[in-house]
C-alpha cells in the first residue's frame, strides 16, 4: 500500500512520518487488497494562535473508483493522526462491506433470471 504523507505549514520529521505510516498501515492493513493509495495531509491550521489547531486529513482511493476521506483536529498532532486513522478505518470497512454485499446480490436479481431463461 502506498502512503503519501505531506506537511503543510511545518517541517515533516522522520518521527512524525513514522508515526503516520504505522497508524495508517495498521488501520488499513486488513483492507490492503482494496486500497490503491492513501494520502495523509498534516496541517497547522492556526499557526501561532494556539488551541486545537493540528489537522490530519486522510484520503484513501479504493478499487472501483471509490474515495473515502477522514479528518481530525486536535491540539496534539499525534492524537489527530490516531483519531483520523480510526475514522478512515471505519469508513473503509463500511465501504467494502457495502460493495461486497452489493456484489453478492447482483447475480440473484430479477434480471439474472430473465437472462437465464432467454439463453436456455
N, C-alpha and C. Protein backbone atom coordinates (compact mmCIF):
# COMPACT_ATOMS: atom_id res chain seq x y z
N UNK A 1 0.85 -1.17 0.00
CA UNK A 1 0.00 0.00 0.00
C UNK A 1 0.90 1.23 0.00
N UNK A 2 0.59 2.18 -0.86
CA UNK A 2 1.37 3.41 -0.97
C UNK A 2 0.75 4.48 -0.08
N UNK A 3 1.56 5.05 0.82
CA UNK A 3 1.11 6.10 1.72
C UNK A 3 1.92 7.34 1.43
N UNK A 4 1.25 8.40 0.96
CA UNK A 4 1.89 9.67 0.66
C UNK A 4 1.61 10.63 1.81
N UNK A 5 2.64 11.10 2.50
CA UNK A 5 2.48 11.98 3.66
C UNK A 5 3.00 13.36 3.31
N UNK A 6 2.17 14.38 3.58
CA UNK A 6 2.54 15.76 3.28
C UNK A 6 2.28 16.63 4.49
N UNK A 7 3.20 17.56 4.75
CA UNK A 7 3.04 18.50 5.85
C UNK A 7 2.90 19.90 5.27
N UNK A 8 1.90 20.63 5.76
CA UNK A 8 1.64 21.99 5.30
C UNK A 8 1.81 22.94 6.48
N UNK A 9 2.75 23.84 6.40
CA UNK A 9 2.93 24.83 7.45
C UNK A 9 3.98 24.47 8.48
N UNK A 10 4.61 23.31 8.36
CA UNK A 10 5.69 22.91 9.27
C UNK A 10 6.52 21.82 8.61
N UNK A 11 7.67 21.55 9.20
CA UNK A 11 8.57 20.54 8.64
C UNK A 11 8.13 19.14 9.05
N UNK A 12 8.19 18.22 8.11
CA UNK A 12 7.83 16.83 8.37
C UNK A 12 9.07 16.08 8.85
N UNK A 13 9.07 15.66 10.09
CA UNK A 13 10.22 14.95 10.66
C UNK A 13 10.06 13.45 10.43
N UNK A 14 11.14 12.73 10.63
CA UNK A 14 11.11 11.28 10.49
C UNK A 14 10.20 10.64 11.53
N UNK A 15 10.17 11.21 12.74
CA UNK A 15 9.31 10.68 13.80
C UNK A 15 7.83 10.80 13.46
N UNK A 16 7.45 11.95 12.92
CA UNK A 16 6.05 12.14 12.52
C UNK A 16 5.71 11.22 11.36
N UNK A 17 6.60 11.16 10.38
CA UNK A 17 6.35 10.30 9.22
C UNK A 17 6.20 8.84 9.63
N UNK A 18 7.07 8.39 10.53
CA UNK A 18 6.99 7.01 11.01
C UNK A 18 5.70 6.73 11.76
N UNK A 19 5.26 7.68 12.59
CA UNK A 19 4.01 7.52 13.32
C UNK A 19 2.82 7.45 12.36
N UNK A 20 2.80 8.33 11.39
CA UNK A 20 1.71 8.35 10.41
C UNK A 20 1.67 7.03 9.64
N UNK A 21 2.80 6.59 9.14
CA UNK A 21 2.83 5.36 8.36
C UNK A 21 2.42 4.15 9.20
N UNK A 22 2.86 4.11 10.46
CA UNK A 22 2.50 2.99 11.32
C UNK A 22 1.00 2.96 11.60
N UNK A 23 0.42 4.12 11.91
CA UNK A 23 -1.01 4.18 12.23
C UNK A 23 -1.88 3.89 11.01
N UNK A 24 -1.53 4.47 9.88
CA UNK A 24 -2.35 4.25 8.67
C UNK A 24 -2.20 2.81 8.19
N UNK A 25 -1.00 2.28 8.25
CA UNK A 25 -0.78 0.88 7.84
C UNK A 25 -1.56 -0.08 8.74
N UNK A 26 -1.57 0.17 10.04
CA UNK A 26 -2.31 -0.73 10.93
C UNK A 26 -3.81 -0.56 10.77
N UNK A 27 -4.26 0.66 10.46
CA UNK A 27 -5.70 0.89 10.28
C UNK A 27 -6.21 0.28 8.98
N UNK A 28 -5.41 0.37 7.92
CA UNK A 28 -5.87 -0.09 6.60
C UNK A 28 -5.28 -1.43 6.18
N UNK A 29 -4.43 -2.01 7.01
CA UNK A 29 -3.79 -3.28 6.68
C UNK A 29 -4.75 -4.40 6.30
N UNK A 30 -5.82 -4.61 7.07
CA UNK A 30 -6.74 -5.69 6.71
C UNK A 30 -7.46 -5.47 5.38
N UNK A 31 -7.46 -4.24 4.89
CA UNK A 31 -8.17 -3.91 3.65
C UNK A 31 -7.19 -3.58 2.53
N UNK A 32 -5.94 -4.00 2.65
CA UNK A 32 -4.90 -3.58 1.72
C UNK A 32 -5.16 -4.02 0.28
N UNK A 33 -5.87 -5.11 0.08
CA UNK A 33 -6.12 -5.52 -1.31
C UNK A 33 -7.16 -4.64 -2.00
N UNK A 34 -7.91 -3.86 -1.24
CA UNK A 34 -8.88 -2.93 -1.83
C UNK A 34 -8.33 -1.50 -1.91
N UNK A 35 -7.30 -1.20 -1.13
CA UNK A 35 -6.76 0.16 -1.08
C UNK A 35 -5.72 0.35 -2.18
N UNK A 36 -5.90 1.39 -2.98
CA UNK A 36 -4.96 1.71 -4.04
C UNK A 36 -3.89 2.66 -3.51
N UNK A 37 -4.32 3.72 -2.82
CA UNK A 37 -3.40 4.75 -2.35
C UNK A 37 -4.00 5.47 -1.16
N UNK A 38 -3.15 5.89 -0.24
CA UNK A 38 -3.58 6.71 0.90
C UNK A 38 -2.73 7.97 0.92
N UNK A 39 -3.38 9.12 1.00
CA UNK A 39 -2.70 10.40 1.09
C UNK A 39 -3.02 11.02 2.43
N UNK A 40 -2.00 11.37 3.19
CA UNK A 40 -2.17 11.96 4.51
C UNK A 40 -1.65 13.39 4.45
N UNK A 41 -2.50 14.34 4.83
CA UNK A 41 -2.11 15.74 4.87
C UNK A 41 -2.13 16.21 6.32
N UNK A 42 -1.01 16.72 6.76
CA UNK A 42 -0.89 17.26 8.11
C UNK A 42 -0.76 18.77 8.00
N UNK A 43 -1.56 19.48 8.79
CA UNK A 43 -1.58 20.93 8.64
C UNK A 43 -1.67 21.60 10.00
N UNK A 44 -0.95 22.71 10.13
CA UNK A 44 -1.03 23.55 11.32
C UNK A 44 -1.98 24.69 10.97
N UNK A 45 -3.22 24.59 11.41
CA UNK A 45 -4.28 25.49 10.97
C UNK A 45 -4.09 26.92 11.49
N UNK A 46 -3.94 27.08 12.79
CA UNK A 46 -3.87 28.42 13.38
C UNK A 46 -2.45 28.93 13.56
N UNK A 47 -1.48 28.16 13.19
CA UNK A 47 -0.06 28.51 13.32
C UNK A 47 0.28 28.90 14.76
N UNK A 48 0.44 30.17 15.06
CA UNK A 48 0.90 30.61 16.38
C UNK A 48 -0.22 30.98 17.34
N UNK A 49 -1.47 30.79 16.99
CA UNK A 49 -2.58 31.23 17.83
C UNK A 49 -2.95 30.25 18.93
N UNK A 50 -2.49 29.02 18.88
CA UNK A 50 -2.78 28.04 19.92
C UNK A 50 -4.13 27.38 19.72
N UNK A 51 -4.52 26.54 20.66
CA UNK A 51 -5.80 25.84 20.58
C UNK A 51 -5.70 24.57 19.76
N UNK A 52 -6.86 24.02 19.45
CA UNK A 52 -6.92 22.80 18.62
C UNK A 52 -6.62 23.20 17.18
N UNK A 53 -5.38 23.08 16.82
CA UNK A 53 -5.01 23.60 15.51
C UNK A 53 -4.21 22.65 14.64
N UNK A 54 -4.07 21.40 15.01
CA UNK A 54 -3.38 20.43 14.17
C UNK A 54 -4.42 19.57 13.46
N UNK A 55 -4.40 19.61 12.15
CA UNK A 55 -5.38 18.87 11.35
C UNK A 55 -4.70 17.74 10.61
N UNK A 56 -5.33 16.58 10.63
CA UNK A 56 -4.87 15.42 9.87
C UNK A 56 -6.01 14.98 8.96
N UNK A 57 -5.76 15.02 7.66
CA UNK A 57 -6.75 14.56 6.67
C UNK A 57 -6.18 13.35 5.97
N UNK A 58 -6.97 12.29 5.89
CA UNK A 58 -6.55 11.08 5.21
C UNK A 58 -7.53 10.82 4.07
N UNK A 59 -6.99 10.71 2.86
CA UNK A 59 -7.80 10.42 1.67
C UNK A 59 -7.34 9.06 1.15
N UNK A 60 -8.29 8.14 1.03
CA UNK A 60 -7.98 6.79 0.59
C UNK A 60 -8.71 6.51 -0.72
N UNK A 61 -7.95 6.09 -1.72
CA UNK A 61 -8.53 5.68 -3.00
C UNK A 61 -8.70 4.17 -2.98
N UNK A 62 -9.93 3.72 -3.17
CA UNK A 62 -10.24 2.30 -3.18
C UNK A 62 -10.44 1.83 -4.62
N UNK A 63 -10.38 0.52 -4.80
CA UNK A 63 -10.68 -0.03 -6.12
C UNK A 63 -12.11 0.31 -6.49
N UNK A 64 -12.40 0.25 -7.75
CA UNK A 64 -13.72 0.58 -8.31
C UNK A 64 -14.03 2.06 -8.14
N UNK A 65 -13.01 2.89 -8.15
CA UNK A 65 -13.13 4.35 -8.18
C UNK A 65 -13.87 4.93 -6.98
N UNK A 66 -13.71 4.34 -5.85
CA UNK A 66 -14.34 4.85 -4.63
C UNK A 66 -13.27 5.59 -3.82
N UNK A 67 -13.64 6.73 -3.24
CA UNK A 67 -12.72 7.54 -2.45
C UNK A 67 -13.35 7.80 -1.09
N UNK A 68 -12.56 7.63 -0.04
CA UNK A 68 -13.03 7.88 1.33
C UNK A 68 -12.11 8.91 1.98
N UNK A 69 -12.69 9.81 2.78
CA UNK A 69 -11.94 10.88 3.44
C UNK A 69 -12.28 10.88 4.91
N UNK A 70 -11.25 11.07 5.74
CA UNK A 70 -11.45 11.22 7.19
C UNK A 70 -10.56 12.36 7.65
N UNK A 71 -11.07 13.12 8.62
CA UNK A 71 -10.33 14.27 9.11
C UNK A 71 -10.47 14.37 10.61
N UNK A 72 -9.41 14.85 11.27
CA UNK A 72 -9.46 15.06 12.71
C UNK A 72 -8.63 16.29 13.05
N UNK A 73 -9.09 17.05 14.04
CA UNK A 73 -8.38 18.24 14.52
C UNK A 73 -8.16 18.07 16.02
N UNK A 74 -6.94 18.34 16.46
CA UNK A 74 -6.60 18.20 17.87
C UNK A 74 -5.42 19.11 18.18
N UNK A 75 -5.21 19.42 19.44
CA UNK A 75 -4.06 20.24 19.83
C UNK A 75 -2.75 19.48 19.64
N UNK A 76 -2.79 18.16 19.78
CA UNK A 76 -1.61 17.31 19.61
C UNK A 76 -1.68 16.64 18.24
N UNK A 77 -0.63 16.78 17.46
CA UNK A 77 -0.60 16.21 16.11
C UNK A 77 -0.73 14.70 16.12
N UNK A 78 -0.06 14.04 17.06
CA UNK A 78 -0.11 12.58 17.14
C UNK A 78 -1.53 12.09 17.47
N UNK A 79 -2.23 12.81 18.33
CA UNK A 79 -3.62 12.45 18.66
C UNK A 79 -4.53 12.65 17.45
N UNK A 80 -4.28 13.71 16.67
CA UNK A 80 -5.07 13.95 15.46
C UNK A 80 -4.86 12.82 14.45
N UNK A 81 -3.64 12.35 14.32
CA UNK A 81 -3.34 11.24 13.40
C UNK A 81 -4.05 9.97 13.86
N UNK A 82 -4.00 9.69 15.15
CA UNK A 82 -4.66 8.50 15.68
C UNK A 82 -6.16 8.53 15.44
N UNK A 83 -6.77 9.68 15.70
CA UNK A 83 -8.22 9.82 15.54
C UNK A 83 -8.63 9.70 14.07
N UNK A 84 -7.87 10.32 13.18
CA UNK A 84 -8.18 10.24 11.75
C UNK A 84 -7.99 8.81 11.24
N UNK A 85 -6.99 8.10 11.75
CA UNK A 85 -6.77 6.70 11.33
C UNK A 85 -7.94 5.82 11.76
N UNK A 86 -8.46 6.04 12.97
CA UNK A 86 -9.62 5.26 13.42
C UNK A 86 -10.84 5.57 12.53
N UNK A 87 -11.02 6.82 12.20
CA UNK A 87 -12.16 7.20 11.36
C UNK A 87 -12.06 6.63 9.95
N UNK A 88 -10.86 6.66 9.36
CA UNK A 88 -10.73 6.14 8.00
C UNK A 88 -10.88 4.63 7.98
N UNK A 89 -10.45 3.96 9.03
CA UNK A 89 -10.64 2.51 9.11
C UNK A 89 -12.12 2.16 9.11
N UNK A 90 -12.89 2.89 9.92
CA UNK A 90 -14.33 2.64 10.00
C UNK A 90 -15.01 2.93 8.65
N UNK A 91 -14.61 4.02 8.00
CA UNK A 91 -15.20 4.39 6.72
C UNK A 91 -14.88 3.38 5.62
N UNK A 92 -13.63 2.95 5.56
CA UNK A 92 -13.22 1.98 4.54
C UNK A 92 -13.90 0.63 4.79
N UNK A 93 -14.00 0.22 6.05
CA UNK A 93 -14.67 -1.04 6.37
C UNK A 93 -16.13 -1.01 5.89
N UNK A 94 -16.82 0.11 6.15
CA UNK A 94 -18.22 0.22 5.70
C UNK A 94 -18.33 0.18 4.19
N UNK A 95 -17.44 0.89 3.51
CA UNK A 95 -17.48 0.92 2.04
C UNK A 95 -17.25 -0.46 1.44
N UNK A 96 -16.30 -1.19 1.97
CA UNK A 96 -16.01 -2.53 1.44
C UNK A 96 -17.16 -3.48 1.76
N UNK A 97 -17.73 -3.36 2.93
CA UNK A 97 -18.85 -4.22 3.30
C UNK A 97 -20.04 -3.97 2.37
N UNK A 98 -20.30 -2.70 2.07
CA UNK A 98 -21.40 -2.38 1.14
C UNK A 98 -21.13 -2.96 -0.24
N UNK A 99 -19.89 -2.82 -0.71
CA UNK A 99 -19.55 -3.32 -2.03
C UNK A 99 -19.66 -4.84 -2.10
N UNK A 100 -19.20 -5.53 -1.07
CA UNK A 100 -19.30 -6.99 -1.07
C UNK A 100 -20.76 -7.44 -1.01
N UNK A 101 -21.58 -6.76 -0.24
CA UNK A 101 -23.00 -7.09 -0.17
C UNK A 101 -23.66 -6.86 -1.52
N UNK A 102 -23.32 -5.76 -2.18
CA UNK A 102 -23.88 -5.45 -3.49
C UNK A 102 -23.45 -6.49 -4.51
N UNK A 103 -22.19 -6.92 -4.46
CA UNK A 103 -21.69 -7.93 -5.40
C UNK A 103 -22.42 -9.27 -5.22
N UNK A 104 -22.75 -9.61 -3.99
CA UNK A 104 -23.44 -10.88 -3.74
C UNK A 104 -24.89 -10.83 -4.21
N UNK A 105 -25.50 -9.67 -4.14
CA UNK A 105 -26.91 -9.57 -4.51
C UNK A 105 -27.14 -9.50 -6.00
N UNK A 106 -26.22 -8.97 -6.77
CA UNK A 106 -26.44 -8.76 -8.20
C UNK A 106 -26.81 -10.03 -8.98
N UNK A 107 -26.12 -11.15 -8.81
CA UNK A 107 -26.48 -12.33 -9.60
C UNK A 107 -27.85 -12.90 -9.26
N UNK A 108 -28.41 -12.54 -8.11
CA UNK A 108 -29.68 -13.10 -7.71
C UNK A 108 -30.87 -12.21 -8.06
N UNK A 109 -30.60 -11.10 -8.74
CA UNK A 109 -31.68 -10.16 -9.06
C UNK A 109 -32.58 -10.70 -10.15
N UNK A 110 -33.71 -10.04 -10.39
CA UNK A 110 -34.67 -10.48 -11.41
C UNK A 110 -34.06 -10.52 -12.81
N UNK A 111 -33.13 -9.64 -13.11
CA UNK A 111 -32.51 -9.62 -14.44
C UNK A 111 -31.72 -10.90 -14.69
N UNK A 112 -31.13 -11.48 -13.67
CA UNK A 112 -30.35 -12.71 -13.83
C UNK A 112 -31.26 -13.87 -14.24
N UNK A 113 -32.47 -13.92 -13.68
CA UNK A 113 -33.41 -14.98 -14.05
C UNK A 113 -33.88 -14.82 -15.49
N UNK A 114 -34.15 -13.60 -15.91
CA UNK A 114 -34.58 -13.36 -17.29
C UNK A 114 -33.48 -13.74 -18.26
N UNK A 115 -32.25 -13.38 -17.97
CA UNK A 115 -31.13 -13.73 -18.83
C UNK A 115 -30.97 -15.23 -18.91
N UNK A 116 -31.15 -15.93 -17.82
CA UNK A 116 -31.02 -17.39 -17.79
C UNK A 116 -32.05 -18.04 -18.72
N UNK A 117 -33.30 -17.62 -18.63
CA UNK A 117 -34.34 -18.23 -19.44
C UNK A 117 -34.21 -17.87 -20.92
N UNK A 118 -33.73 -16.72 -21.23
CA UNK A 118 -33.56 -16.32 -22.63
C UNK A 118 -32.47 -17.17 -23.27
N UNK A 119 -31.41 -17.42 -22.55
CA UNK A 119 -30.31 -18.23 -23.10
C UNK A 119 -30.69 -19.71 -23.19
N UNK A 120 -31.46 -20.18 -22.21
CA UNK A 120 -31.76 -21.60 -22.12
C UNK A 120 -32.76 -22.02 -23.09
